[in-house]
PDB file of all heavy atoms in Angstrom:
ATOM      1  N   LEU A   1      26.313 -36.671-219.564  1.00  0.00           N
ATOM      2  CA  LEU A   1      27.373 -37.678-219.437  1.00  0.00           C
ATOM      3  C   LEU A   1      27.244 -38.421-218.115  1.00  0.00           C
ATOM      4  O   LEU A   1      26.593 -37.969-217.177  1.00  0.00           O
ATOM      5  CB  LEU A   1      28.754 -37.045-219.575  1.00  0.00           C
ATOM      6  CG  LEU A   1      29.212 -35.910-218.666  1.00  0.00           C
ATOM      7  CD1 LEU A   1      29.524 -36.382-217.259  1.00  0.00           C
ATOM      8  CD2 LEU A   1      30.467 -35.251-219.257  1.00  0.00           C
ATOM      9  N   SER A   2      27.883 -39.592-218.047  1.00  0.00           N
ATOM     10  CA  SER A   2      27.949 -40.357-216.802  1.00  0.00           C
ATOM     11  C   SER A   2      29.165 -39.875-216.023  1.00  0.00           C
ATOM     12  O   SER A   2      30.278 -39.822-216.559  1.00  0.00           O
ATOM     13  CB  SER A   2      28.067 -41.847-217.097  1.00  0.00           C
ATOM     14  OG  SER A   2      26.920 -42.312-217.776  1.00  0.00           O
ATOM     15  N   LEU A   3      28.946 -39.543-214.765  1.00  0.00           N
ATOM     16  CA  LEU A   3      29.995 -38.941-213.948  1.00  0.00           C
ATOM     17  C   LEU A   3      30.051 -39.620-212.594  1.00  0.00           C
ATOM     18  O   LEU A   3      29.022 -39.786-211.920  1.00  0.00           O
ATOM     19  CB  LEU A   3      29.721 -37.442-213.773  1.00  0.00           C
ATOM     20  CG  LEU A   3      30.713 -36.649-212.925  1.00  0.00           C
ATOM     21  CD1 LEU A   3      31.983 -36.363-213.723  1.00  0.00           C
ATOM     22  CD2 LEU A   3      30.099 -35.338-212.442  1.00  0.00           C
ATOM     23  N   TRP A   4      31.263 -39.997-212.187  1.00  0.00           N
ATOM     24  CA  TRP A   4      31.475 -40.487-210.826  1.00  0.00           C
ATOM     25  C   TRP A   4      31.932 -39.314-209.967  1.00  0.00           C
ATOM     26  O   TRP A   4      32.786 -38.529-210.373  1.00  0.00           O
ATOM     27  CB  TRP A   4      32.547 -41.574-210.818  1.00  0.00           C
ATOM     28  CG  TRP A   4      32.883 -42.059-209.431  1.00  0.00           C
ATOM     29  CD1 TRP A   4      32.339 -43.110-208.780  1.00  0.00           C
ATOM     30  CD2 TRP A   4      33.821 -41.473-208.529  1.00  0.00           C
ATOM     31  NE1 TRP A   4      32.870 -43.232-207.521  1.00  0.00           N
ATOM     32  CE2 TRP A   4      33.795 -42.232-207.337  1.00  0.00           C
ATOM     33  CE3 TRP A   4      34.690 -40.391-208.608  1.00  0.00           C
ATOM     34  CZ2 TRP A   4      34.594 -41.934-206.246  1.00  0.00           C
ATOM     35  CZ3 TRP A   4      35.480 -40.088-207.516  1.00  0.00           C
ATOM     36  CH2 TRP A   4      35.430 -40.865-206.351  1.00  0.00           C
ATOM     37  N   HIS A   5      31.355 -39.202-208.763  1.00  0.00           N
ATOM     38  CA  HIS A   5      31.739 -38.105-207.867  1.00  0.00           C
ATOM     39  C   HIS A   5      31.464 -38.511-206.433  1.00  0.00           C
ATOM     40  O   HIS A   5      30.333 -38.879-206.085  1.00  0.00           O
ATOM     41  CB  HIS A   5      30.951 -36.830-208.199  1.00  0.00           C
ATOM     42  CG  HIS A   5      31.262 -35.666-207.296  1.00  0.00           C
ATOM     43  ND1 HIS A   5      32.347 -34.840-207.499  1.00  0.00           N
ATOM     44  CD2 HIS A   5      30.635 -35.214-206.186  1.00  0.00           C
ATOM     45  CE1 HIS A   5      32.371 -33.920-206.555  1.00  0.00           C
ATOM     46  NE2 HIS A   5      31.350 -34.125-205.735  1.00  0.00           N
ATOM     47  N   GLY A   6      32.514 -38.491-205.600  1.00  0.00           N
ATOM     48  CA  GLY A   6      32.351 -38.727-204.169  1.00  0.00           C
ATOM     49  C   GLY A   6      31.772 -40.078-203.811  1.00  0.00           C
ATOM     50  O   GLY A   6      31.044 -40.193-202.822  1.00  0.00           O
ATOM     51  N   GLY A   7      32.068 -41.094-204.620  1.00  0.00           N
ATOM     52  CA  GLY A   7      31.582 -42.431-204.327  1.00  0.00           C
ATOM     53  C   GLY A   7      30.240 -42.767-204.929  1.00  0.00           C
ATOM     54  O   GLY A   7      29.733 -43.881-204.750  1.00  0.00           O
ATOM     55  N   GLU A   8      29.641 -41.829-205.657  1.00  0.00           N
ATOM     56  CA  GLU A   8      28.340 -42.044-206.294  1.00  0.00           C
ATOM     57  C   GLU A   8      28.460 -41.770-207.796  1.00  0.00           C
ATOM     58  O   GLU A   8      29.408 -41.131-208.259  1.00  0.00           O
ATOM     59  CB  GLU A   8      27.277 -41.120-205.694  1.00  0.00           C
ATOM     60  CG  GLU A   8      27.069 -41.270-204.191  1.00  0.00           C
ATOM     61  CD  GLU A   8      26.282 -42.523-203.828  1.00  0.00           C
ATOM     62  OE1 GLU A   8      25.758 -43.190-204.742  1.00  0.00           O
ATOM     63  OE2 GLU A   8      26.190 -42.824-202.622  1.00  0.00           O
ATOM     64  N   CYS A   9      27.454 -42.265-208.542  1.00  0.00           N
ATOM     65  CA  CYS A   9      27.420 -42.035-209.985  1.00  0.00           C
ATOM     66  C   CYS A   9      26.225 -41.159-210.341  1.00  0.00           C
ATOM     67  O   CYS A   9      25.171 -41.243-209.696  1.00  0.00           O
ATOM     68  CB  CYS A   9      27.349 -43.361-210.735  1.00  0.00           C
ATOM     69  SG  CYS A   9      28.816 -44.410-210.496  1.00  0.00           S
ATOM     70  N   TYR A  10      26.409 -40.346-211.379  1.00  0.00           N
ATOM     71  CA  TYR A  10      25.393 -39.356-211.732  1.00  0.00           C
ATOM     72  C   TYR A  10      25.299 -39.202-213.254  1.00  0.00           C
ATOM     73  O   TYR A  10      26.237 -39.526-213.990  1.00  0.00           O
ATOM     74  CB  TYR A  10      25.747 -37.987-211.134  1.00  0.00           C
ATOM     75  CG  TYR A  10      25.873 -37.975-209.632  1.00  0.00           C
ATOM     76  CD1 TYR A  10      27.092 -38.243-209.014  1.00  0.00           C
ATOM     77  CD2 TYR A  10      24.767 -37.701-208.823  1.00  0.00           C
ATOM     78  CE1 TYR A  10      27.204 -38.247-207.635  1.00  0.00           C
ATOM     79  CE2 TYR A  10      24.873 -37.692-207.443  1.00  0.00           C
ATOM     80  CZ  TYR A  10      26.100 -37.965-206.848  1.00  0.00           C
ATOM     81  OH  TYR A  10      26.217 -37.972-205.482  1.00  0.00           O
ATOM     82  N   ARG A  11      24.164 -38.696-213.715  1.00  0.00           N
ATOM     83  CA  ARG A  11      24.020 -38.161-215.066  1.00  0.00           C
ATOM     84  C   ARG A  11      24.118 -36.648-214.921  1.00  0.00           C
ATOM     85  O   ARG A  11      23.320 -36.038-214.186  1.00  0.00           O
ATOM     86  CB  ARG A  11      22.674 -38.531-215.678  1.00  0.00           C
ATOM     87  CG  ARG A  11      22.462 -40.024-215.846  1.00  0.00           C
ATOM     88  CD  ARG A  11      23.253 -40.601-216.989  1.00  0.00           C
ATOM     89  NE  ARG A  11      22.852 -41.989-217.235  1.00  0.00           N
ATOM     90  CZ  ARG A  11      23.617 -42.890-217.830  1.00  0.00           C
ATOM     91  NH1 ARG A  11      24.836 -42.548-218.213  1.00  0.00           N
ATOM     92  NH2 ARG A  11      23.188 -44.106-218.015  1.00  0.00           N
ATOM     93  N   ALA A  12      25.078 -36.051-215.589  1.00  0.00           N
ATOM     94  CA  ALA A  12      25.353 -34.643-215.304  1.00  0.00           C
ATOM     95  C   ALA A  12      25.555 -33.829-216.571  1.00  0.00           C
ATOM     96  O   ALA A  12      26.013 -34.329-217.594  1.00  0.00           O
ATOM     97  CB  ALA A  12      26.597 -34.530-214.421  1.00  0.00           C
ATOM     98  N   GLN A  13      25.203 -32.560-216.457  1.00  0.00           N
ATOM     99  CA  GLN A  13      25.501 -31.548-217.463  1.00  0.00           C
ATOM    100  C   GLN A  13      26.232 -30.402-216.771  1.00  0.00           C
ATOM    101  O   GLN A  13      26.278 -30.321-215.541  1.00  0.00           O
ATOM    102  CB  GLN A  13      24.219 -31.055-218.130  1.00  0.00           C
ATOM    103  CG  GLN A  13      23.522 -32.106-218.985  1.00  0.00           C
ATOM    104  CD  GLN A  13      22.269 -31.580-219.657  1.00  0.00           C
ATOM    105  OE1 GLN A  13      21.435 -30.931-219.020  1.00  0.00           O
ATOM    106  NE2 GLN A  13      22.103 -31.868-220.932  1.00  0.00           N
ATOM    107  N   ALA A  14      26.821 -29.515-217.561  1.00  0.00           N
ATOM    108  CA  ALA A  14      27.546 -28.381-216.986  1.00  0.00           C
ATOM    109  C   ALA A  14      26.585 -27.420-216.299  1.00  0.00           C
ATOM    110  O   ALA A  14      25.438 -27.262-216.748  1.00  0.00           O
ATOM    111  CB  ALA A  14      28.320 -27.660-218.085  1.00  0.00           C
ATOM    112  N   PRO A  15      27.036 -26.806-215.207  1.00  0.00           N
ATOM    113  CA  PRO A  15      28.360 -26.947-214.604  1.00  0.00           C
ATOM    114  C   PRO A  15      28.527 -28.295-213.899  1.00  0.00           C
ATOM    115  O   PRO A  15      27.674 -28.688-213.099  1.00  0.00           O
ATOM    116  CB  PRO A  15      28.436 -25.781-213.606  1.00  0.00           C
ATOM    117  CG  PRO A  15      27.009 -25.433-213.302  1.00  0.00           C
ATOM    118  CD  PRO A  15      26.229 -25.749-214.536  1.00  0.00           C
ATOM    119  N   LEU A  16      29.607 -28.998-214.227  1.00  0.00           N
ATOM    120  CA  LEU A  16      29.805 -30.355-213.747  1.00  0.00           C
ATOM    121  C   LEU A  16      30.285 -30.390-212.305  1.00  0.00           C
ATOM    122  O   LEU A  16      31.151 -29.605-211.910  1.00  0.00           O
ATOM    123  CB  LEU A  16      30.837 -31.079-214.627  1.00  0.00           C
ATOM    124  CG  LEU A  16      30.445 -31.345-216.076  1.00  0.00           C
ATOM    125  CD1 LEU A  16      31.614 -31.996-216.806  1.00  0.00           C
ATOM    126  CD2 LEU A  16      29.203 -32.222-216.158  1.00  0.00           C
ATOM    127  N   PRO A  17      29.782 -31.322-211.506  1.00  0.00           N
ATOM    128  CA  PRO A  17      30.316 -31.531-210.160  1.00  0.00           C
ATOM    129  C   PRO A  17      31.797 -31.912-210.211  1.00  0.00           C
ATOM    130  O   PRO A  17      32.248 -32.608-211.133  1.00  0.00           O
ATOM    131  CB  PRO A  17      29.475 -32.697-209.628  1.00  0.00           C
ATOM    132  CG  PRO A  17      28.215 -32.662-210.425  1.00  0.00           C
ATOM    133  CD  PRO A  17      28.620 -32.184-211.788  1.00  0.00           C
ATOM    134  N   GLY A  18      32.538 -31.417-209.219  1.00  0.00           N
ATOM    135  CA  GLY A  18      33.964 -31.708-209.162  1.00  0.00           C
ATOM    136  C   GLY A  18      34.829 -30.658-209.812  1.00  0.00           C
ATOM    137  O   GLY A  18      36.054 -30.803-209.874  1.00  0.00           O
ATOM    138  N   ALA A  19      34.214 -29.585-210.291  1.00  0.00           N
ATOM    139  CA  ALA A  19      34.970 -28.537-210.977  1.00  0.00           C
ATOM    140  C   ALA A  19      34.462 -27.166-210.536  1.00  0.00           C
ATOM    141  O   ALA A  19      33.300 -27.009-210.154  1.00  0.00           O
ATOM    142  CB  ALA A  19      34.846 -28.677-212.491  1.00  0.00           C
ATOM    143  N   THR A  20      35.344 -26.169-210.611  1.00  0.00           N
ATOM    144  CA  THR A  20      34.951 -24.801-210.305  1.00  0.00           C
ATOM    145  C   THR A  20      34.253 -24.170-211.512  1.00  0.00           C
ATOM    146  O   THR A  20      34.320 -24.678-212.630  1.00  0.00           O
ATOM    147  CB  THR A  20      36.172 -23.951-209.921  1.00  0.00           C
ATOM    148  OG1 THR A  20      37.135 -23.994-210.999  1.00  0.00           O
ATOM    149  CG2 THR A  20      36.831 -24.475-208.655  1.00  0.00           C
ATOM    150  N   GLY A  21      33.598 -23.037-211.254  1.00  0.00           N
ATOM    151  CA  GLY A  21      32.960 -22.282-212.327  1.00  0.00           C
ATOM    152  C   GLY A  21      31.487 -22.610-212.477  1.00  0.00           C
ATOM    153  O   GLY A  21      31.013 -23.674-212.057  1.00  0.00           O
ATOM    154  N   GLN A  22      30.774 -21.698-213.124  1.00  0.00           N
ATOM    155  CA  GLN A  22      29.337 -21.858-213.331  1.00  0.00           C
ATOM    156  C   GLN A  22      28.958 -21.804-214.804  1.00  0.00           C
ATOM    157  O   GLN A  22      27.783 -21.666-215.152  1.00  0.00           O
ATOM    158  CB  GLN A  22      28.590 -20.764-212.555  1.00  0.00           C
ATOM    159  CG  GLN A  22      28.833 -20.824-211.064  1.00  0.00           C
ATOM    160  CD  GLN A  22      28.050 -19.765-210.298  1.00  0.00           C
ATOM    161  OE1 GLN A  22      27.138 -19.144-210.832  1.00  0.00           O
ATOM    162  NE2 GLN A  22      28.415 -19.549-209.043  1.00  0.00           N
ATOM    163  N   GLY A  23      29.977 -21.916-215.680  1.00  0.00           N
ATOM    164  CA  GLY A  23      29.713 -21.878-217.110  1.00  0.00           C
ATOM    165  C   GLY A  23      29.649 -23.269-217.713  1.00  0.00           C
ATOM    166  O   GLY A  23      29.253 -24.231-217.066  1.00  0.00           O
ATOM    167  N   ASP A  24      30.044 -23.346-218.965  1.00  0.00           N
ATOM    168  CA  ASP A  24      29.996 -24.618-219.687  1.00  0.00           C
ATOM    169  C   ASP A  24      31.310 -25.375-219.521  1.00  0.00           C
ATOM    170  O   ASP A  24      32.314 -24.825-219.047  1.00  0.00           O
ATOM    171  CB  ASP A  24      29.712 -24.369-221.171  1.00  0.00           C
ATOM    172  CG  ASP A  24      28.983 -25.541-221.825  1.00  0.00           C
ATOM    173  OD1 ASP A  24      29.005 -26.650-221.251  1.00  0.00           O
ATOM    174  OD2 ASP A  24      28.412 -25.362-222.909  1.00  0.00           O
ATOM    175  N   SER A  25      31.292 -26.631-219.934  1.00  0.00           N
ATOM    176  CA  SER A  25      32.460 -27.510-219.826  1.00  0.00           C
ATOM    177  C   SER A  25      32.623 -28.276-221.129  1.00  0.00           C
ATOM    178  O   SER A  25      31.634 -28.605-221.798  1.00  0.00           O
ATOM    179  CB  SER A  25      32.269 -28.493-218.667  1.00  0.00           C
ATOM    180  OG  SER A  25      33.236 -29.517-218.694  1.00  0.00           O
ATOM    181  N   LEU A  26      33.857 -28.600-221.477  1.00  0.00           N
ATOM    182  CA  LEU A  26      34.079 -29.302-222.746  1.00  0.00           C
ATOM    183  C   LEU A  26      33.727 -30.788-222.670  1.00  0.00           C
ATOM    184  O   LEU A  26      33.510 -31.440-223.689  1.00  0.00           O
ATOM    185  CB  LEU A  26      35.502 -29.094-223.255  1.00  0.00           C
ATOM    186  CG  LEU A  26      36.696 -29.690-222.524  1.00  0.00           C
ATOM    187  CD1 LEU A  26      36.956 -31.125-222.918  1.00  0.00           C
ATOM    188  CD2 LEU A  26      37.952 -28.871-222.839  1.00  0.00           C
ATOM    189  N   TRP A  27      33.652 -31.375-221.455  1.00  0.00           N
ATOM    190  CA  TRP A  27      33.487 -32.833-221.351  1.00  0.00           C
ATOM    191  C   TRP A  27      32.112 -33.319-221.779  1.00  0.00           C
ATOM    192  O   TRP A  27      32.024 -34.396-222.422  1.00  0.00           O
ATOM    193  CB  TRP A  27      33.857 -33.290-219.949  1.00  0.00           C
ATOM    194  CG  TRP A  27      35.187 -32.712-219.542  1.00  0.00           C
ATOM    195  CD1 TRP A  27      35.436 -31.827-218.534  1.00  0.00           C
ATOM    196  CD2 TRP A  27      36.450 -32.906-220.204  1.00  0.00           C
ATOM    197  NE1 TRP A  27      36.766 -31.479-218.514  1.00  0.00           N
ATOM    198  CE2 TRP A  27      37.418 -32.112-219.528  1.00  0.00           C
ATOM    199  CE3 TRP A  27      36.862 -33.660-221.302  1.00  0.00           C
ATOM    200  CZ2 TRP A  27      38.756 -32.070-219.905  1.00  0.00           C
ATOM    201  CZ3 TRP A  27      38.200 -33.617-221.686  1.00  0.00           C
ATOM    202  CH2 TRP A  27      39.129 -32.837-220.993  1.00  0.00           C
ATOM    203  N   PRO A  28      31.003 -32.625-221.514  1.00  0.00           N
ATOM    204  CA  PRO A  28      29.731 -33.071-222.101  1.00  0.00           C
ATOM    205  C   PRO A  28      29.752 -33.051-223.630  1.00  0.00           C
ATOM    206  O   PRO A  28      29.160 -33.928-224.269  1.00  0.00           O
ATOM    207  CB  PRO A  28      28.711 -32.066-221.547  1.00  0.00           C
ATOM    208  CG  PRO A  28      29.313 -31.604-220.261  1.00  0.00           C
ATOM    209  CD  PRO A  28      30.790 -31.535-220.534  1.00  0.00           C
ATOM    210  N   TRP A  29      30.470 -32.077-224.199  1.00  0.00           N
ATOM    211  CA  TRP A  29      30.576 -32.016-225.657  1.00  0.00           C
ATOM    212  C   TRP A  29      31.451 -33.144-226.192  1.00  0.00           C
ATOM    213  O   TRP A  29      31.163 -33.705-227.256  1.00  0.00           O
ATOM    214  CB  TRP A  29      31.119 -30.650-226.088  1.00  0.00           C
ATOM    215  CG  TRP A  29      30.168 -29.539-225.779  1.00  0.00           C
ATOM    216  CD1 TRP A  29      30.189 -28.693-224.697  1.00  0.00           C
ATOM    217  CD2 TRP A  29      29.011 -29.176-226.536  1.00  0.00           C
ATOM    218  NE1 TRP A  29      29.128 -27.823-224.741  1.00  0.00           N
ATOM    219  CE2 TRP A  29      28.382 -28.098-225.853  1.00  0.00           C
ATOM    220  CE3 TRP A  29      28.448 -29.649-227.718  1.00  0.00           C
ATOM    221  CZ2 TRP A  29      27.227 -27.497-226.334  1.00  0.00           C
ATOM    222  CZ3 TRP A  29      27.289 -29.047-228.187  1.00  0.00           C
ATOM    223  CH2 TRP A  29      26.693 -27.977-227.501  1.00  0.00           C
TER     224      TRP A  29
END
């Protein structure tokens, strides 16, 4: 997914920047 974080843009998969945890996330799904 396209993710904005800290003033920059990224292509990201879980674990997503900006969130706690090291598992999966529902937002890529």
